Amino acid sequence: MFWKDDYVYGVRARHNVGFGFWQLAFGSKAELNPTNYAAARKAMTKLKGNEGGLLGIRPDVLVVPYDLEEAARRLIFADTIEGSSNIWKGWAELIIAARLHGAETPDPEEGQQTEPPESGQQG
């Protein structure tokens, strides 16, 4: 298979899916703010393997439910937070995941235009 440069991949079913290594995810019910975000990142970067060496984890993705989207966007994209320079700007990719526990899925109809605007109007 590999000798012919032909690699077949995929499966017909998935079971026990999620993060391949538990160390690559950090769950928190604390308020999403710069202090708690820094603490979570620090905890992840200090994780050690079975041999005692650091795993070298660099947290670069922030996954939040819809109800934390505003706080997450402020944390990841804003130049300043509460009058101070935002040191976390641009440090993570933001993923909004509706399936997180306690998350509410937004109404798919909300914010969508169902009829075209009349001519001369902007939509």
N, C-alpha and C. Protein backbone atom coordinates (compact mmCIF):
# COMPACT_ATOMS: atom_id res chain seq x y z
N MET A 1 0.82 -1.19 0.00
CA MET A 1 0.00 0.00 0.00
C MET A 1 0.87 1.25 0.00
N PHE A 2 1.81 1.35 0.93
CA PHE A 2 2.66 2.53 0.99
C PHE A 2 3.73 2.51 -0.10
N TRP A 3 4.16 1.32 -0.51
CA TRP A 3 5.21 1.20 -1.51
C TRP A 3 4.73 1.69 -2.87
N LYS A 4 3.44 1.64 -3.11
CA LYS A 4 2.88 2.07 -4.38
C LYS A 4 2.39 3.52 -4.32
N ASP A 5 2.67 4.20 -3.22
CA ASP A 5 2.21 5.57 -3.01
C ASP A 5 0.69 5.67 -3.10
N ASP A 6 0.03 4.63 -2.60
CA ASP A 6 -1.43 4.57 -2.61
C ASP A 6 -1.89 4.38 -1.18
N TYR A 7 -2.50 5.39 -0.60
CA TYR A 7 -2.92 5.31 0.80
C TYR A 7 -4.43 5.46 0.88
N VAL A 8 -5.09 4.44 1.37
CA VAL A 8 -6.54 4.44 1.52
C VAL A 8 -6.85 4.77 2.98
N TYR A 9 -7.78 5.68 3.20
CA TYR A 9 -8.11 6.05 4.57
C TYR A 9 -9.61 6.23 4.71
N GLY A 10 -10.07 6.27 5.94
CA GLY A 10 -11.48 6.47 6.22
C GLY A 10 -12.11 5.24 6.84
N VAL A 11 -13.26 5.43 7.41
CA VAL A 11 -13.99 4.34 8.03
C VAL A 11 -15.48 4.49 7.72
N ARG A 12 -16.23 3.44 7.95
CA ARG A 12 -17.67 3.51 7.71
C ARG A 12 -18.44 3.90 8.95
N ALA A 13 -17.80 3.91 10.09
CA ALA A 13 -18.46 4.29 11.34
C ALA A 13 -17.43 4.93 12.25
N ARG A 14 -17.91 5.70 13.18
CA ARG A 14 -17.00 6.33 14.14
C ARG A 14 -17.51 6.02 15.55
N HIS A 15 -16.58 5.72 16.43
CA HIS A 15 -16.93 5.41 17.81
C HIS A 15 -15.91 6.07 18.73
N ASN A 16 -16.35 6.46 19.90
CA ASN A 16 -15.47 7.08 20.88
C ASN A 16 -14.68 8.23 20.27
N VAL A 17 -15.36 9.09 19.56
CA VAL A 17 -14.67 10.19 18.91
C VAL A 17 -14.46 11.34 19.87
N GLY A 18 -13.55 12.17 19.55
CA GLY A 18 -13.22 13.32 20.37
C GLY A 18 -11.75 13.61 20.21
N PHE A 19 -11.21 14.31 21.15
CA PHE A 19 -9.79 14.61 21.10
C PHE A 19 -9.01 13.31 21.24
N GLY A 20 -8.01 13.12 20.41
CA GLY A 20 -7.19 11.91 20.46
C GLY A 20 -6.40 11.82 21.75
N PHE A 21 -6.00 12.93 22.27
CA PHE A 21 -5.27 12.98 23.53
C PHE A 21 -6.01 13.94 24.45
N TRP A 22 -6.35 13.49 25.63
CA TRP A 22 -7.11 14.35 26.54
C TRP A 22 -6.34 15.61 26.87
N GLN A 23 -5.01 15.58 26.74
CA GLN A 23 -4.20 16.73 27.07
C GLN A 23 -4.43 17.91 26.12
N LEU A 24 -5.04 17.64 24.97
CA LEU A 24 -5.23 18.70 23.98
C LEU A 24 -6.52 19.48 24.17
N ALA A 25 -7.25 19.19 25.24
CA ALA A 25 -8.48 19.93 25.53
C ALA A 25 -8.48 20.35 27.00
N PHE A 26 -9.06 21.50 27.26
CA PHE A 26 -9.16 22.00 28.63
C PHE A 26 -10.58 22.51 28.81
N GLY A 27 -11.33 21.89 29.68
CA GLY A 27 -12.70 22.31 29.95
C GLY A 27 -12.75 23.20 31.18
N SER A 28 -13.53 24.24 31.11
CA SER A 28 -13.65 25.15 32.24
C SER A 28 -15.05 25.73 32.29
N LYS A 29 -15.56 25.90 33.49
CA LYS A 29 -16.85 26.56 33.69
C LYS A 29 -16.64 27.95 34.27
N ALA A 30 -15.37 28.36 34.37
CA ALA A 30 -15.05 29.70 34.87
C ALA A 30 -15.40 30.74 33.81
N GLU A 31 -15.57 31.97 34.25
CA GLU A 31 -15.86 33.07 33.32
C GLU A 31 -14.75 33.16 32.28
N LEU A 32 -15.13 33.43 31.03
CA LEU A 32 -14.13 33.58 29.97
C LEU A 32 -13.60 35.00 30.00
N ASN A 33 -12.44 35.16 30.59
CA ASN A 33 -11.79 36.46 30.66
C ASN A 33 -10.28 36.24 30.52
N PRO A 34 -9.50 37.30 30.35
CA PRO A 34 -8.06 37.13 30.14
C PRO A 34 -7.35 36.36 31.25
N THR A 35 -7.72 36.57 32.49
CA THR A 35 -7.07 35.89 33.61
C THR A 35 -7.32 34.39 33.58
N ASN A 36 -8.56 33.99 33.40
CA ASN A 36 -8.89 32.56 33.36
C ASN A 36 -8.36 31.89 32.09
N TYR A 37 -8.35 32.62 30.98
CA TYR A 37 -7.80 32.10 29.73
C TYR A 37 -6.30 31.83 29.90
N ALA A 38 -5.60 32.76 30.52
CA ALA A 38 -4.16 32.59 30.76
C ALA A 38 -3.90 31.39 31.67
N ALA A 39 -4.73 31.20 32.69
CA ALA A 39 -4.57 30.08 33.61
C ALA A 39 -4.77 28.74 32.88
N ALA A 40 -5.77 28.69 32.00
CA ALA A 40 -6.03 27.46 31.24
C ALA A 40 -4.86 27.15 30.32
N ARG A 41 -4.37 28.15 29.61
CA ARG A 41 -3.23 27.96 28.71
C ARG A 41 -2.00 27.49 29.49
N LYS A 42 -1.77 28.10 30.63
CA LYS A 42 -0.61 27.75 31.45
C LYS A 42 -0.71 26.30 31.93
N ALA A 43 -1.90 25.90 32.35
CA ALA A 43 -2.10 24.51 32.81
C ALA A 43 -1.81 23.53 31.69
N MET A 44 -2.26 23.85 30.47
CA MET A 44 -2.03 22.95 29.34
C MET A 44 -0.55 22.86 28.98
N THR A 45 0.16 23.97 29.03
CA THR A 45 1.57 23.97 28.64
C THR A 45 2.45 23.27 29.66
N LYS A 46 1.97 23.09 30.88
CA LYS A 46 2.75 22.43 31.93
C LYS A 46 2.51 20.92 32.02
N LEU A 47 1.64 20.38 31.18
CA LEU A 47 1.35 18.95 31.23
C LEU A 47 2.58 18.14 30.84
N LYS A 48 2.78 17.04 31.57
CA LYS A 48 3.94 16.17 31.33
C LYS A 48 3.48 14.78 30.91
N GLY A 49 4.32 14.11 30.16
CA GLY A 49 4.04 12.76 29.70
C GLY A 49 4.43 11.73 30.75
N ASN A 50 4.29 10.46 30.41
CA ASN A 50 4.60 9.37 31.34
C ASN A 50 6.05 9.35 31.77
N GLU A 51 6.94 9.83 30.92
CA GLU A 51 8.37 9.85 31.24
C GLU A 51 8.76 11.08 32.06
N GLY A 52 7.81 11.98 32.30
CA GLY A 52 8.08 13.16 33.11
C GLY A 52 8.46 14.40 32.34
N GLY A 53 8.62 14.28 31.03
CA GLY A 53 8.97 15.44 30.22
C GLY A 53 7.74 16.21 29.79
N LEU A 54 7.94 17.50 29.56
CA LEU A 54 6.83 18.33 29.08
C LEU A 54 6.35 17.83 27.72
N LEU A 55 5.04 17.88 27.51
CA LEU A 55 4.46 17.42 26.25
C LEU A 55 4.60 18.44 25.13
N GLY A 56 4.92 19.67 25.48
CA GLY A 56 5.13 20.70 24.45
C GLY A 56 3.83 21.17 23.82
N ILE A 57 2.76 21.17 24.57
CA ILE A 57 1.46 21.59 24.05
C ILE A 57 1.44 23.12 23.93
N ARG A 58 1.01 23.59 22.76
CA ARG A 58 0.84 25.02 22.52
C ARG A 58 -0.63 25.27 22.17
N PRO A 59 -1.42 25.67 23.16
CA PRO A 59 -2.85 25.89 22.90
C PRO A 59 -3.05 27.00 21.87
N ASP A 60 -3.67 26.65 20.74
CA ASP A 60 -3.87 27.66 19.70
C ASP A 60 -5.28 27.64 19.11
N VAL A 61 -6.21 26.96 19.81
CA VAL A 61 -7.60 26.93 19.39
C VAL A 61 -8.47 27.16 20.62
N LEU A 62 -9.47 28.04 20.48
CA LEU A 62 -10.43 28.28 21.55
C LEU A 62 -11.79 27.85 21.04
N VAL A 63 -12.39 26.86 21.69
CA VAL A 63 -13.69 26.32 21.30
C VAL A 63 -14.71 26.73 22.36
N VAL A 64 -15.75 27.44 21.94
CA VAL A 64 -16.77 27.92 22.88
C VAL A 64 -18.16 27.69 22.31
N PRO A 65 -19.18 27.63 23.18
CA PRO A 65 -20.57 27.57 22.69
C PRO A 65 -21.01 28.96 22.24
N TYR A 66 -22.17 29.01 21.57
CA TYR A 66 -22.69 30.28 21.08
C TYR A 66 -22.85 31.32 22.18
N ASP A 67 -23.22 30.89 23.38
CA ASP A 67 -23.46 31.88 24.43
C ASP A 67 -22.18 32.55 24.93
N LEU A 68 -21.01 32.03 24.54
CA LEU A 68 -19.74 32.68 24.91
C LEU A 68 -19.04 33.32 23.70
N GLU A 69 -19.72 33.37 22.57
CA GLU A 69 -19.09 33.88 21.35
C GLU A 69 -18.61 35.32 21.52
N GLU A 70 -19.44 36.17 22.09
CA GLU A 70 -19.05 37.58 22.23
C GLU A 70 -17.80 37.73 23.09
N ALA A 71 -17.78 37.05 24.22
CA ALA A 71 -16.60 37.13 25.11
C ALA A 71 -15.37 36.55 24.42
N ALA A 72 -15.55 35.48 23.67
CA ALA A 72 -14.42 34.85 22.98
C ALA A 72 -13.89 35.77 21.88
N ARG A 73 -14.78 36.39 21.13
CA ARG A 73 -14.33 37.30 20.06
C ARG A 73 -13.58 38.48 20.65
N ARG A 74 -14.07 39.00 21.77
CA ARG A 74 -13.38 40.11 22.44
C ARG A 74 -11.98 39.67 22.87
N LEU A 75 -11.89 38.47 23.43
CA LEU A 75 -10.61 37.96 23.92
C LEU A 75 -9.61 37.72 22.79
N ILE A 76 -10.07 37.20 21.67
CA ILE A 76 -9.17 36.81 20.59
C ILE A 76 -8.92 37.91 19.55
N PHE A 77 -9.88 38.83 19.37
CA PHE A 77 -9.75 39.80 18.28
C PHE A 77 -9.60 41.26 18.69
N ALA A 78 -10.00 41.63 19.91
CA ALA A 78 -9.98 43.04 20.31
C ALA A 78 -8.56 43.54 20.57
N ASP A 79 -8.32 44.81 20.26
CA ASP A 79 -7.02 45.42 20.54
C ASP A 79 -6.84 45.68 22.03
N THR A 80 -7.94 46.07 22.68
CA THR A 80 -7.89 46.36 24.11
C THR A 80 -9.05 45.67 24.82
N ILE A 81 -8.85 45.37 26.10
CA ILE A 81 -9.90 44.82 26.94
C ILE A 81 -9.89 45.63 28.23
N GLU A 82 -11.02 46.27 28.51
CA GLU A 82 -11.17 47.10 29.71
C GLU A 82 -10.04 48.12 29.84
N GLY A 83 -9.69 48.74 28.72
CA GLY A 83 -8.69 49.80 28.74
C GLY A 83 -7.25 49.35 28.72
N SER A 84 -7.00 48.04 28.76
CA SER A 84 -5.63 47.53 28.74
C SER A 84 -5.35 46.85 27.40
N SER A 85 -4.10 46.82 27.03
CA SER A 85 -3.70 46.14 25.81
C SER A 85 -4.05 44.65 25.91
N ASN A 86 -4.62 44.10 24.85
CA ASN A 86 -5.02 42.70 24.83
C ASN A 86 -3.85 41.84 24.36
N ILE A 87 -3.16 41.19 25.29
CA ILE A 87 -1.99 40.38 24.93
C ILE A 87 -2.38 39.08 24.23
N TRP A 88 -3.66 38.70 24.26
CA TRP A 88 -4.09 37.44 23.64
C TRP A 88 -4.62 37.63 22.22
N LYS A 89 -4.63 38.86 21.73
CA LYS A 89 -5.15 39.11 20.39
C LYS A 89 -4.37 38.27 19.36
N GLY A 90 -5.13 37.50 18.58
CA GLY A 90 -4.54 36.73 17.49
C GLY A 90 -3.82 35.45 17.89
N TRP A 91 -3.85 35.07 19.15
CA TRP A 91 -3.11 33.89 19.60
C TRP A 91 -3.84 32.59 19.40
N ALA A 92 -5.11 32.62 19.07
CA ALA A 92 -5.86 31.37 18.91
C ALA A 92 -6.87 31.48 17.77
N GLU A 93 -7.16 30.34 17.19
CA GLU A 93 -8.25 30.23 16.23
C GLU A 93 -9.52 30.06 17.05
N LEU A 94 -10.58 30.72 16.66
CA LEU A 94 -11.84 30.63 17.39
C LEU A 94 -12.81 29.71 16.67
N ILE A 95 -13.35 28.74 17.41
CA ILE A 95 -14.36 27.83 16.89
C ILE A 95 -15.59 27.94 17.78
N ILE A 96 -16.73 28.24 17.16
CA ILE A 96 -17.99 28.32 17.89
C ILE A 96 -18.71 26.99 17.68
N ALA A 97 -18.93 26.25 18.76
CA ALA A 97 -19.51 24.90 18.68
C ALA A 97 -20.82 24.84 19.46
N ALA A 98 -21.91 24.70 18.75
CA ALA A 98 -23.23 24.68 19.38
C ALA A 98 -23.46 23.42 20.20
N ARG A 99 -22.71 22.38 19.95
CA ARG A 99 -22.96 21.11 20.64
C ARG A 99 -22.30 21.01 22.01
N LEU A 100 -21.66 22.05 22.45
CA LEU A 100 -21.08 22.01 23.79
C LEU A 100 -22.19 22.00 24.83
N HIS A 101 -21.95 21.35 25.95
CA HIS A 101 -22.95 21.21 27.00
C HIS A 101 -23.48 22.57 27.43
N GLY A 102 -24.79 22.68 27.44
CA GLY A 102 -25.42 23.91 27.90
C GLY A 102 -25.55 24.97 26.82
N ALA A 103 -25.04 24.69 25.64
CA ALA A 103 -25.11 25.68 24.57
C ALA A 103 -26.50 25.68 23.94
N GLU A 104 -26.92 26.84 23.55
CA GLU A 104 -28.19 26.96 22.84
C GLU A 104 -27.88 27.23 21.38
N THR A 105 -28.52 26.49 20.51
CA THR A 105 -28.33 26.69 19.08
C THR A 105 -29.17 27.88 18.64
N PRO A 106 -28.58 28.83 17.93
CA PRO A 106 -29.38 29.97 17.48
C PRO A 106 -30.42 29.55 16.46
N ASP A 107 -31.49 30.31 16.40
CA ASP A 107 -32.55 30.04 15.45
C ASP A 107 -32.00 30.25 14.04
N PRO A 108 -32.07 29.23 13.16
CA PRO A 108 -31.49 29.39 11.83
C PRO A 108 -32.20 30.45 11.00
N GLU A 109 -33.45 30.78 11.35
CA GLU A 109 -34.19 31.79 10.62
C GLU A 109 -33.78 33.21 11.04
N GLU A 110 -33.23 33.31 12.25
CA GLU A 110 -32.90 34.62 12.79
C GLU A 110 -31.81 35.29 11.97
N GLY A 111 -32.05 36.52 11.58
CA GLY A 111 -31.05 37.28 10.86
C GLY A 111 -30.99 36.99 9.38
N GLN A 112 -31.77 36.03 8.91
CA GLN A 112 -31.77 35.73 7.48
C GLN A 112 -32.89 36.48 6.80
N GLN A 113 -32.58 36.99 5.65
CA GLN A 113 -33.58 37.71 4.88
C GLN A 113 -34.38 36.69 4.08
N THR A 114 -35.68 36.67 4.26
CA THR A 114 -36.51 35.68 3.58
C THR A 114 -37.08 36.18 2.27
N GLU A 115 -37.19 37.49 2.11
CA GLU A 115 -37.72 38.06 0.87
C GLU A 115 -36.69 39.05 0.34
N PRO A 116 -36.54 39.13 -0.99
CA PRO A 116 -35.60 40.11 -1.52
C PRO A 116 -36.10 41.52 -1.25
N PRO A 117 -35.16 42.45 -1.06
CA PRO A 117 -35.60 43.85 -0.83
C PRO A 117 -36.23 44.40 -2.09
N GLU A 118 -37.15 45.34 -1.87
CA GLU A 118 -37.76 46.00 -3.01
C GLU A 118 -36.70 46.81 -3.73
N SER A 119 -36.86 47.03 -5.01
CA SER A 119 -35.84 47.75 -5.77
C SER A 119 -35.63 49.12 -5.16
N GLY A 120 -34.37 49.53 -5.10
CA GLY A 120 -34.03 50.81 -4.51
C GLY A 120 -33.69 50.72 -3.04
N GLN A 121 -34.02 49.59 -2.38
CA GLN A 121 -33.71 49.40 -0.96
C GLN A 121 -32.47 48.53 -0.85
N GLN A 122 -31.71 48.78 0.16
CA GLN A 122 -30.54 47.94 0.43
C GLN A 122 -30.91 46.95 1.50
N GLY A 123 -30.39 45.73 1.40
CA GLY A 123 -30.74 44.69 2.35
C GLY A 123 -29.72 44.35 3.29
